[in-house]
Amino acid sequence: MENFIQVITTTPTKGEAEKIGKVLLEGLLAACIQILGPVESCYWWEGRLEKSKEWFLIVKTQKRLYPRVEQIIKRLHSYKVPEIIAIPIVAGYKPYLNWVHSELR
């Protein structure tokens, strides 16, 4: 079975999260996306403690597609250094993972 992952990123607007998600879905690089938010993020940026409201995007995909997913997120994202993190799925309901696999290119 292929290696499944969830890729996460945050965006400053819901619209930006929706745009990234739509491109990934239309390109068959994601079987499913979830958009949550707004969430409050606290972080260090350029030596200052920052706080902002963001939208959380979760992308269901496979490890082999990660390079293209990352490329698209970087191209469409408005942040200078966007969070793009892949988290391995170590176990899951087989019929769901089979569905994810069937929806990807």
N, C-alpha and C. Protein backbone atom coordinates (compact mmCIF):
# COMPACT_ATOMS: atom_id res chain seq x y z
N MET A 1 0.85 -1.18 0.00
CA MET A 1 0.00 0.00 0.00
C MET A 1 0.89 1.24 0.00
N GLU A 2 0.47 2.24 -0.73
CA GLU A 2 1.21 3.51 -0.82
C GLU A 2 1.33 4.17 0.55
N ASN A 3 2.30 5.03 0.68
CA ASN A 3 2.45 5.82 1.91
C ASN A 3 1.52 7.02 1.85
N PHE A 4 0.60 7.11 2.78
CA PHE A 4 -0.35 8.21 2.83
C PHE A 4 0.16 9.27 3.80
N ILE A 5 -0.13 10.53 3.48
CA ILE A 5 0.27 11.65 4.33
C ILE A 5 -0.86 12.67 4.41
N GLN A 6 -0.77 13.51 5.42
CA GLN A 6 -1.57 14.73 5.50
C GLN A 6 -0.58 15.87 5.42
N VAL A 7 -0.84 16.81 4.52
CA VAL A 7 0.00 17.99 4.41
C VAL A 7 -0.79 19.14 5.02
N ILE A 8 -0.15 19.89 5.92
CA ILE A 8 -0.83 21.01 6.54
C ILE A 8 -0.14 22.32 6.18
N THR A 9 -0.95 23.34 6.10
CA THR A 9 -0.47 24.70 5.91
C THR A 9 -1.49 25.63 6.55
N THR A 10 -1.08 26.85 6.79
CA THR A 10 -2.00 27.88 7.27
C THR A 10 -1.94 29.05 6.31
N THR A 11 -3.07 29.74 6.17
CA THR A 11 -3.17 30.88 5.27
C THR A 11 -3.80 32.06 6.01
N PRO A 12 -3.58 33.27 5.51
CA PRO A 12 -4.15 34.43 6.19
C PRO A 12 -5.65 34.61 5.94
N THR A 13 -6.17 33.99 4.87
CA THR A 13 -7.60 34.13 4.57
C THR A 13 -8.20 32.79 4.18
N LYS A 14 -9.50 32.68 4.36
CA LYS A 14 -10.21 31.47 3.94
C LYS A 14 -10.14 31.34 2.42
N GLY A 15 -10.24 32.46 1.72
CA GLY A 15 -10.20 32.43 0.27
C GLY A 15 -8.90 31.85 -0.26
N GLU A 16 -7.79 32.20 0.38
CA GLU A 16 -6.50 31.65 -0.06
C GLU A 16 -6.44 30.15 0.19
N ALA A 17 -6.94 29.70 1.32
CA ALA A 17 -7.00 28.26 1.62
C ALA A 17 -7.87 27.54 0.59
N GLU A 18 -9.01 28.13 0.25
CA GLU A 18 -9.91 27.53 -0.74
C GLU A 18 -9.24 27.46 -2.11
N LYS A 19 -8.53 28.50 -2.49
CA LYS A 19 -7.85 28.52 -3.79
C LYS A 19 -6.79 27.42 -3.87
N ILE A 20 -5.96 27.31 -2.84
CA ILE A 20 -4.94 26.27 -2.81
C ILE A 20 -5.60 24.89 -2.87
N GLY A 21 -6.62 24.69 -2.05
CA GLY A 21 -7.33 23.41 -2.03
C GLY A 21 -7.94 23.05 -3.36
N LYS A 22 -8.54 24.03 -4.02
CA LYS A 22 -9.18 23.78 -5.32
C LYS A 22 -8.16 23.35 -6.36
N VAL A 23 -7.02 24.03 -6.41
CA VAL A 23 -5.98 23.67 -7.38
C VAL A 23 -5.46 22.26 -7.10
N LEU A 24 -5.26 21.91 -5.83
CA LEU A 24 -4.78 20.57 -5.49
C LEU A 24 -5.81 19.51 -5.85
N LEU A 25 -7.08 19.78 -5.59
CA LEU A 25 -8.13 18.82 -5.94
C LEU A 25 -8.27 18.67 -7.45
N GLU A 26 -8.30 19.79 -8.17
CA GLU A 26 -8.46 19.72 -9.62
C GLU A 26 -7.27 19.04 -10.29
N GLY A 27 -6.08 19.15 -9.69
CA GLY A 27 -4.90 18.50 -10.23
C GLY A 27 -4.76 17.05 -9.80
N LEU A 28 -5.74 16.54 -9.07
CA LEU A 28 -5.74 15.18 -8.55
C LEU A 28 -4.53 14.91 -7.66
N LEU A 29 -4.08 15.95 -6.96
CA LEU A 29 -2.98 15.83 -6.01
C LEU A 29 -3.48 15.69 -4.59
N ALA A 30 -4.77 15.85 -4.39
CA ALA A 30 -5.42 15.67 -3.09
C ALA A 30 -6.75 14.97 -3.32
N ALA A 31 -7.05 14.01 -2.44
CA ALA A 31 -8.34 13.34 -2.50
C ALA A 31 -9.38 14.13 -1.71
N CYS A 32 -8.90 14.83 -0.69
CA CYS A 32 -9.78 15.56 0.21
C CYS A 32 -8.99 16.68 0.84
N ILE A 33 -9.64 17.80 1.06
CA ILE A 33 -9.03 18.88 1.84
C ILE A 33 -10.02 19.29 2.92
N GLN A 34 -9.49 19.76 4.01
CA GLN A 34 -10.32 20.31 5.07
C GLN A 34 -9.79 21.69 5.40
N ILE A 35 -10.71 22.62 5.57
CA ILE A 35 -10.35 23.99 5.93
C ILE A 35 -10.99 24.29 7.27
N LEU A 36 -10.16 24.64 8.24
CA LEU A 36 -10.62 24.93 9.59
C LEU A 36 -10.24 26.36 9.95
N GLY A 37 -11.10 26.99 10.71
CA GLY A 37 -10.69 28.31 11.19
C GLY A 37 -11.85 29.26 11.34
N PRO A 38 -11.48 30.45 11.70
CA PRO A 38 -10.09 30.85 11.90
C PRO A 38 -9.50 30.27 13.18
N VAL A 39 -8.19 30.10 13.17
CA VAL A 39 -7.43 29.68 14.34
C VAL A 39 -6.50 30.82 14.72
N GLU A 40 -6.10 30.87 15.97
CA GLU A 40 -5.17 31.89 16.41
C GLU A 40 -3.78 31.29 16.46
N SER A 41 -2.85 31.91 15.76
CA SER A 41 -1.46 31.44 15.74
C SER A 41 -0.57 32.45 16.45
N CYS A 42 0.33 31.94 17.27
CA CYS A 42 1.33 32.76 17.95
C CYS A 42 2.69 32.20 17.55
N TYR A 43 3.60 33.07 17.14
CA TYR A 43 4.87 32.59 16.60
C TYR A 43 5.91 33.71 16.58
N TRP A 44 7.17 33.29 16.47
CA TRP A 44 8.26 34.24 16.31
C TRP A 44 8.45 34.49 14.82
N TRP A 45 8.57 35.75 14.44
CA TRP A 45 8.86 36.09 13.05
C TRP A 45 9.79 37.30 13.03
N GLU A 46 10.95 37.11 12.45
CA GLU A 46 11.95 38.16 12.32
C GLU A 46 12.23 38.85 13.65
N GLY A 47 12.41 38.01 14.70
CA GLY A 47 12.80 38.51 16.01
C GLY A 47 11.68 39.08 16.86
N ARG A 48 10.45 39.01 16.37
CA ARG A 48 9.32 39.55 17.14
C ARG A 48 8.27 38.47 17.36
N LEU A 49 7.62 38.54 18.51
CA LEU A 49 6.52 37.64 18.80
C LEU A 49 5.28 38.17 18.11
N GLU A 50 4.69 37.33 17.26
CA GLU A 50 3.52 37.72 16.47
C GLU A 50 2.30 36.90 16.88
N LYS A 51 1.14 37.44 16.55
CA LYS A 51 -0.13 36.76 16.81
C LYS A 51 -1.05 37.12 15.65
N SER A 52 -1.68 36.10 15.05
CA SER A 52 -2.57 36.38 13.93
C SER A 52 -3.65 35.31 13.82
N LYS A 53 -4.70 35.68 13.12
CA LYS A 53 -5.76 34.72 12.81
C LYS A 53 -5.43 34.12 11.45
N GLU A 54 -5.54 32.79 11.38
CA GLU A 54 -5.22 32.09 10.15
C GLU A 54 -6.25 31.00 9.89
N TRP A 55 -6.20 30.47 8.68
CA TRP A 55 -7.03 29.35 8.27
C TRP A 55 -6.12 28.15 8.09
N PHE A 56 -6.54 27.02 8.60
CA PHE A 56 -5.76 25.78 8.63
C PHE A 56 -6.25 24.89 7.50
N LEU A 57 -5.34 24.46 6.63
CA LEU A 57 -5.68 23.60 5.50
C LEU A 57 -5.02 22.24 5.69
N ILE A 58 -5.82 21.17 5.64
CA ILE A 58 -5.32 19.80 5.77
C ILE A 58 -5.58 19.10 4.43
N VAL A 59 -4.53 18.56 3.85
CA VAL A 59 -4.58 17.94 2.53
C VAL A 59 -4.34 16.44 2.68
N LYS A 60 -5.26 15.60 2.21
CA LYS A 60 -5.08 14.14 2.22
C LYS A 60 -4.49 13.72 0.89
N THR A 61 -3.29 13.11 0.93
CA THR A 61 -2.60 12.75 -0.30
C THR A 61 -1.64 11.60 -0.03
N GLN A 62 -0.73 11.35 -0.97
CA GLN A 62 0.27 10.31 -0.82
C GLN A 62 1.66 10.92 -0.87
N LYS A 63 2.59 10.26 -0.21
CA LYS A 63 3.96 10.76 -0.10
C LYS A 63 4.58 11.03 -1.47
N ARG A 64 4.31 10.20 -2.45
CA ARG A 64 4.90 10.37 -3.78
C ARG A 64 4.48 11.68 -4.44
N LEU A 65 3.36 12.26 -4.00
CA LEU A 65 2.86 13.50 -4.59
C LEU A 65 3.31 14.74 -3.83
N TYR A 66 4.00 14.54 -2.71
CA TYR A 66 4.38 15.69 -1.88
C TYR A 66 5.14 16.78 -2.65
N PRO A 67 6.14 16.46 -3.46
CA PRO A 67 6.87 17.54 -4.15
C PRO A 67 5.96 18.46 -4.96
N ARG A 68 4.96 17.90 -5.66
CA ARG A 68 4.04 18.73 -6.44
C ARG A 68 3.11 19.53 -5.53
N VAL A 69 2.65 18.90 -4.44
CA VAL A 69 1.79 19.60 -3.48
C VAL A 69 2.54 20.79 -2.91
N GLU A 70 3.78 20.58 -2.49
CA GLU A 70 4.59 21.67 -1.95
C GLU A 70 4.78 22.78 -2.98
N GLN A 71 5.07 22.40 -4.20
CA GLN A 71 5.29 23.38 -5.27
C GLN A 71 4.06 24.27 -5.47
N ILE A 72 2.90 23.66 -5.48
CA ILE A 72 1.65 24.42 -5.69
C ILE A 72 1.37 25.32 -4.50
N ILE A 73 1.54 24.81 -3.29
CA ILE A 73 1.31 25.65 -2.11
C ILE A 73 2.24 26.85 -2.14
N LYS A 74 3.52 26.64 -2.42
CA LYS A 74 4.48 27.75 -2.46
C LYS A 74 4.09 28.77 -3.54
N ARG A 75 3.64 28.29 -4.70
CA ARG A 75 3.28 29.19 -5.80
C ARG A 75 2.06 30.04 -5.48
N LEU A 76 1.09 29.48 -4.77
CA LEU A 76 -0.17 30.17 -4.52
C LEU A 76 -0.22 30.89 -3.18
N HIS A 77 0.71 30.61 -2.31
CA HIS A 77 0.68 31.14 -0.95
C HIS A 77 1.22 32.56 -0.89
N SER A 78 0.62 33.38 -0.06
CA SER A 78 1.04 34.78 0.04
C SER A 78 2.16 35.00 1.06
N TYR A 79 2.42 34.02 1.92
CA TYR A 79 3.48 34.18 2.91
C TYR A 79 4.85 34.01 2.26
N LYS A 80 5.82 34.73 2.79
CA LYS A 80 7.20 34.61 2.34
C LYS A 80 7.75 33.22 2.65
N VAL A 81 7.42 32.70 3.84
CA VAL A 81 7.85 31.37 4.27
C VAL A 81 6.62 30.65 4.83
N PRO A 82 5.82 30.01 3.96
CA PRO A 82 4.62 29.34 4.46
C PRO A 82 4.96 28.05 5.21
N GLU A 83 4.13 27.75 6.18
CA GLU A 83 4.22 26.45 6.85
C GLU A 83 3.72 25.40 5.86
N ILE A 84 4.57 24.42 5.56
CA ILE A 84 4.17 23.28 4.73
C ILE A 84 4.79 22.07 5.40
N ILE A 85 3.96 21.27 6.04
CA ILE A 85 4.45 20.12 6.81
C ILE A 85 3.67 18.87 6.39
N ALA A 86 4.41 17.80 6.11
CA ALA A 86 3.79 16.51 5.79
C ALA A 86 3.86 15.61 7.02
N ILE A 87 2.72 15.05 7.37
CA ILE A 87 2.61 14.16 8.52
C ILE A 87 2.23 12.77 8.00
N PRO A 88 3.03 11.75 8.30
CA PRO A 88 2.70 10.41 7.81
C PRO A 88 1.45 9.85 8.49
N ILE A 89 0.68 9.14 7.73
CA ILE A 89 -0.46 8.41 8.27
C ILE A 89 0.03 6.99 8.50
N VAL A 90 0.17 6.60 9.74
CA VAL A 90 0.77 5.30 10.06
C VAL A 90 -0.26 4.17 10.07
N ALA A 91 -1.51 4.52 10.19
CA ALA A 91 -2.58 3.52 10.15
C ALA A 91 -3.87 4.24 9.76
N GLY A 92 -4.80 3.49 9.20
CA GLY A 92 -6.08 4.09 8.83
C GLY A 92 -7.05 3.03 8.37
N TYR A 93 -8.29 3.43 8.29
CA TYR A 93 -9.37 2.54 7.84
C TYR A 93 -9.13 2.22 6.38
N LYS A 94 -8.91 0.95 6.08
CA LYS A 94 -8.51 0.52 4.73
C LYS A 94 -9.45 1.01 3.63
N PRO A 95 -10.77 0.89 3.77
CA PRO A 95 -11.64 1.40 2.71
C PRO A 95 -11.45 2.91 2.46
N TYR A 96 -11.20 3.69 3.51
CA TYR A 96 -10.95 5.12 3.33
C TYR A 96 -9.65 5.35 2.57
N LEU A 97 -8.58 4.66 2.99
CA LEU A 97 -7.29 4.82 2.31
C LEU A 97 -7.36 4.34 0.87
N ASN A 98 -8.13 3.29 0.61
CA ASN A 98 -8.33 2.84 -0.77
C ASN A 98 -9.01 3.93 -1.59
N TRP A 99 -9.99 4.59 -0.98
CA TRP A 99 -10.67 5.70 -1.67
C TRP A 99 -9.69 6.83 -1.95
N VAL A 100 -8.87 7.23 -0.95
CA VAL A 100 -7.88 8.27 -1.17
C VAL A 100 -7.00 7.89 -2.36
N HIS A 101 -6.50 6.68 -2.37
CA HIS A 101 -5.62 6.21 -3.45
C HIS A 101 -6.33 6.32 -4.81
N SER A 102 -7.59 5.94 -4.85
CA SER A 102 -8.31 5.92 -6.13
C SER A 102 -8.58 7.32 -6.69
N GLU A 103 -8.54 8.33 -5.84
CA GLU A 103 -8.85 9.70 -6.28
C GLU A 103 -7.62 10.49 -6.72
N LEU A 104 -6.44 9.91 -6.56
CA LEU A 104 -5.20 10.62 -6.88
C LEU A 104 -4.64 10.16 -8.21
N ARG A 105 -3.85 11.04 -8.84
CA ARG A 105 -3.25 10.63 -10.11
C ARG A 105 -2.05 9.74 -9.91
